[in-house]
Amino acid sequence: MALNKVQLEKEIRAALDNESDKDVKPSESRARMAKAIAAAIDVFVKSGTVTVAVGIPVATAGSATAQTGATTGPGTGVIN
C-alpha cells in the first residue's frame, strides 16, 4: 500500500487541535502532542509497502531437489 500523507496530516492536525482548546501546562500539552504525532508517524511508516528489486545475488547448496540458499548481497528497497 502506498503511504498516505493526507491521513498523516489529518492525524497531526487532530493532535494539535486536541490541545488548542485546553487550559493546561504547556509541558503537558507538548508531551501529549509528541505522543500523538509519534503514533501517527508510526502508523504512517508501517503502512508502506517495501518493494525489493529483483536480481539480488544468492548462493545455494544442496541437491537439485532440495536447494537452500541465502542472499549474498544487499537488496534495494523502495517504500511505496
N, C-alpha and C. Protein backbone atom coordinates (compact mmCIF):
# COMPACT_ATOMS: atom_id res chain seq x y z
N MET A 1 0.84 -1.17 0.00
CA MET A 1 0.00 0.00 0.00
C MET A 1 0.90 1.24 0.00
N ALA A 2 0.47 2.24 -0.70
CA ALA A 2 1.22 3.48 -0.76
C ALA A 2 1.05 4.27 0.53
N LEU A 3 2.07 5.04 0.86
CA LEU A 3 1.99 5.88 2.05
C LEU A 3 0.92 6.95 1.85
N ASN A 4 0.17 7.23 2.91
CA ASN A 4 -0.96 8.15 2.82
C ASN A 4 -0.64 9.43 3.58
N LYS A 5 -0.05 10.41 2.88
CA LYS A 5 0.33 11.66 3.52
C LYS A 5 -0.88 12.47 3.97
N VAL A 6 -1.98 12.35 3.25
CA VAL A 6 -3.19 13.08 3.62
C VAL A 6 -3.67 12.61 5.00
N GLN A 7 -3.69 11.30 5.23
CA GLN A 7 -4.10 10.77 6.52
C GLN A 7 -3.13 11.18 7.63
N LEU A 8 -1.83 11.16 7.33
CA LEU A 8 -0.83 11.60 8.32
C LEU A 8 -1.08 13.04 8.71
N GLU A 9 -1.33 13.89 7.73
CA GLU A 9 -1.61 15.30 8.01
C GLU A 9 -2.85 15.44 8.90
N LYS A 10 -3.89 14.67 8.61
CA LYS A 10 -5.11 14.71 9.42
C LYS A 10 -4.83 14.33 10.87
N GLU A 11 -4.02 13.29 11.06
CA GLU A 11 -3.69 12.83 12.41
C GLU A 11 -2.86 13.87 13.17
N ILE A 12 -1.93 14.51 12.49
CA ILE A 12 -1.13 15.55 13.13
C ILE A 12 -2.00 16.75 13.47
N ARG A 13 -2.86 17.13 12.54
CA ARG A 13 -3.77 18.26 12.80
C ARG A 13 -4.68 17.94 13.99
N ALA A 14 -5.16 16.71 14.06
CA ALA A 14 -6.02 16.31 15.19
C ALA A 14 -5.26 16.41 16.50
N ALA A 15 -3.99 16.00 16.49
CA ALA A 15 -3.19 16.09 17.71
C ALA A 15 -3.03 17.54 18.15
N LEU A 16 -2.83 18.42 17.20
CA LEU A 16 -2.70 19.84 17.52
C LEU A 16 -4.03 20.43 17.96
N ASP A 17 -5.10 20.10 17.24
CA ASP A 17 -6.43 20.62 17.57
C ASP A 17 -6.89 20.16 18.95
N ASN A 18 -6.56 18.94 19.31
CA ASN A 18 -6.98 18.41 20.61
C ASN A 18 -6.39 19.21 21.77
N GLU A 19 -5.29 19.86 21.54
CA GLU A 19 -4.64 20.64 22.60
C GLU A 19 -4.97 22.11 22.53
N SER A 20 -5.49 22.57 21.42
CA SER A 20 -5.67 24.00 21.21
C SER A 20 -6.73 24.63 22.11
N ASP A 21 -7.69 23.84 22.56
CA ASP A 21 -8.75 24.41 23.37
C ASP A 21 -8.67 24.01 24.84
N LYS A 22 -7.51 23.52 25.26
CA LYS A 22 -7.33 23.11 26.65
C LYS A 22 -6.51 24.16 27.40
N ASP A 23 -6.82 24.31 28.66
CA ASP A 23 -6.07 25.22 29.51
C ASP A 23 -5.21 24.35 30.43
N VAL A 24 -4.00 24.03 29.96
CA VAL A 24 -3.12 23.11 30.69
C VAL A 24 -1.70 23.65 30.69
N LYS A 25 -0.86 22.96 31.41
CA LYS A 25 0.55 23.31 31.41
C LYS A 25 1.12 23.04 30.02
N PRO A 26 1.89 23.99 29.49
CA PRO A 26 2.47 23.77 28.16
C PRO A 26 3.30 22.50 28.06
N SER A 27 4.04 22.17 29.09
CA SER A 27 4.88 20.96 29.03
C SER A 27 4.03 19.70 28.91
N GLU A 28 2.88 19.68 29.59
CA GLU A 28 1.98 18.52 29.49
C GLU A 28 1.36 18.45 28.10
N SER A 29 1.01 19.59 27.57
CA SER A 29 0.43 19.64 26.23
C SER A 29 1.43 19.16 25.18
N ARG A 30 2.66 19.64 25.30
CA ARG A 30 3.69 19.22 24.34
C ARG A 30 3.92 17.71 24.42
N ALA A 31 3.91 17.17 25.62
CA ALA A 31 4.12 15.73 25.78
C ALA A 31 3.00 14.94 25.11
N ARG A 32 1.75 15.37 25.30
CA ARG A 32 0.62 14.68 24.67
C ARG A 32 0.69 14.80 23.14
N MET A 33 1.03 16.00 22.66
CA MET A 33 1.13 16.19 21.21
C MET A 33 2.24 15.33 20.63
N ALA A 34 3.38 15.30 21.29
CA ALA A 34 4.51 14.50 20.81
C ALA A 34 4.12 13.02 20.73
N LYS A 35 3.41 12.55 21.75
CA LYS A 35 2.98 11.14 21.76
C LYS A 35 2.01 10.86 20.62
N ALA A 36 1.04 11.74 20.41
CA ALA A 36 0.06 11.55 19.33
C ALA A 36 0.70 11.63 17.96
N ILE A 37 1.61 12.58 17.78
CA ILE A 37 2.27 12.72 16.48
C ILE A 37 3.19 11.53 16.22
N ALA A 38 3.90 11.07 17.24
CA ALA A 38 4.76 9.89 17.08
C ALA A 38 3.93 8.67 16.69
N ALA A 39 2.77 8.52 17.30
CA ALA A 39 1.89 7.39 16.96
C ALA A 39 1.41 7.49 15.52
N ALA A 40 1.08 8.70 15.08
CA ALA A 40 0.63 8.90 13.70
C ALA A 40 1.75 8.57 12.71
N ILE A 41 2.96 8.99 13.03
CA ILE A 41 4.10 8.70 12.15
C ILE A 41 4.38 7.20 12.13
N ASP A 42 4.27 6.54 13.28
CA ASP A 42 4.49 5.11 13.36
C ASP A 42 3.52 4.36 12.44
N VAL A 43 2.25 4.72 12.51
CA VAL A 43 1.24 4.09 11.64
C VAL A 43 1.55 4.40 10.17
N PHE A 44 1.92 5.64 9.88
CA PHE A 44 2.22 6.07 8.52
C PHE A 44 3.37 5.24 7.93
N VAL A 45 4.45 5.12 8.66
CA VAL A 45 5.62 4.39 8.14
C VAL A 45 5.32 2.91 7.99
N LYS A 46 4.64 2.34 8.97
CA LYS A 46 4.34 0.91 8.93
C LYS A 46 3.29 0.56 7.87
N SER A 47 2.59 1.56 7.34
CA SER A 47 1.58 1.29 6.32
C SER A 47 2.19 1.14 4.93
N GLY A 48 3.44 1.52 4.78
CA GLY A 48 4.09 1.44 3.47
C GLY A 48 4.45 0.02 3.10
N THR A 49 4.56 -0.21 1.82
CA THR A 49 4.99 -1.50 1.30
C THR A 49 6.42 -1.34 0.77
N VAL A 50 7.29 -2.23 1.19
CA VAL A 50 8.67 -2.21 0.69
C VAL A 50 8.77 -3.17 -0.48
N THR A 51 9.15 -2.65 -1.62
CA THR A 51 9.35 -3.46 -2.80
C THR A 51 10.85 -3.61 -3.02
N VAL A 52 11.31 -4.85 -3.05
CA VAL A 52 12.74 -5.11 -3.22
C VAL A 52 13.01 -5.45 -4.67
N ALA A 53 14.05 -4.85 -5.19
CA ALA A 53 14.42 -5.06 -6.59
C ALA A 53 14.77 -6.53 -6.85
N VAL A 54 14.47 -6.97 -8.03
CA VAL A 54 14.83 -8.33 -8.43
C VAL A 54 16.32 -8.37 -8.72
N GLY A 55 16.88 -9.57 -8.70
CA GLY A 55 18.26 -9.75 -9.09
C GLY A 55 19.25 -9.73 -7.95
N ILE A 56 18.79 -9.90 -6.71
CA ILE A 56 19.71 -9.96 -5.59
C ILE A 56 20.49 -11.27 -5.70
N PRO A 57 21.82 -11.21 -5.67
CA PRO A 57 22.60 -12.45 -5.79
C PRO A 57 22.33 -13.40 -4.63
N VAL A 58 22.27 -14.70 -4.94
CA VAL A 58 22.08 -15.72 -3.92
C VAL A 58 23.08 -16.84 -4.12
N ALA A 59 23.38 -17.51 -3.02
CA ALA A 59 24.21 -18.72 -3.07
C ALA A 59 23.33 -19.87 -2.63
N THR A 60 23.43 -20.99 -3.32
CA THR A 60 22.60 -22.15 -2.98
C THR A 60 23.47 -23.34 -2.64
N ALA A 61 22.87 -24.28 -1.92
CA ALA A 61 23.56 -25.53 -1.58
C ALA A 61 22.51 -26.63 -1.56
N GLY A 62 22.95 -27.86 -1.69
CA GLY A 62 22.03 -28.99 -1.63
C GLY A 62 21.81 -29.59 -3.00
N SER A 63 21.03 -30.66 -3.00
CA SER A 63 20.77 -31.36 -4.26
C SER A 63 19.79 -30.55 -5.12
N ALA A 64 19.61 -30.99 -6.31
CA ALA A 64 18.73 -30.29 -7.24
C ALA A 64 17.29 -30.24 -6.74
N THR A 65 16.89 -31.18 -5.91
CA THR A 65 15.52 -31.20 -5.42
C THR A 65 15.37 -30.63 -4.01
N ALA A 66 16.49 -30.28 -3.38
CA ALA A 66 16.42 -29.77 -2.01
C ALA A 66 17.38 -28.60 -1.85
N GLN A 67 17.13 -27.55 -2.59
CA GLN A 67 18.00 -26.37 -2.54
C GLN A 67 17.71 -25.52 -1.31
N THR A 68 18.75 -25.01 -0.73
CA THR A 68 18.64 -23.98 0.30
C THR A 68 19.56 -22.85 -0.11
N GLY A 69 19.29 -21.67 0.36
CA GLY A 69 20.16 -20.57 -0.03
C GLY A 69 19.87 -19.31 0.75
N ALA A 70 20.72 -18.34 0.52
CA ALA A 70 20.58 -17.04 1.17
C ALA A 70 21.16 -15.98 0.26
N THR A 71 20.71 -14.78 0.44
CA THR A 71 21.26 -13.69 -0.37
C THR A 71 22.73 -13.48 -0.01
N THR A 72 23.48 -13.04 -0.98
CA THR A 72 24.91 -12.78 -0.76
C THR A 72 25.24 -11.31 -0.95
N GLY A 73 24.25 -10.52 -1.26
CA GLY A 73 24.47 -9.11 -1.44
C GLY A 73 23.27 -8.32 -0.94
N PRO A 74 23.45 -7.04 -0.78
CA PRO A 74 22.33 -6.24 -0.29
C PRO A 74 21.25 -6.05 -1.36
N GLY A 75 20.04 -5.92 -0.90
CA GLY A 75 18.95 -5.61 -1.81
C GLY A 75 18.62 -4.14 -1.74
N THR A 76 17.95 -3.64 -2.71
CA THR A 76 17.49 -2.26 -2.71
C THR A 76 15.99 -2.26 -2.61
N GLY A 77 15.48 -1.53 -1.62
CA GLY A 77 14.05 -1.49 -1.42
C GLY A 77 13.51 -0.10 -1.65
N VAL A 78 12.25 -0.03 -2.01
CA VAL A 78 11.54 1.23 -2.22
C VAL A 78 10.26 1.16 -1.40
N ILE A 79 10.02 2.17 -0.56
CA ILE A 79 8.77 2.21 0.19
C ILE A 79 7.73 2.87 -0.68
N ASN A 80 6.64 2.16 -0.90
CA ASN A 80 5.54 2.66 -1.72
C ASN A 80 4.45 3.21 -0.84
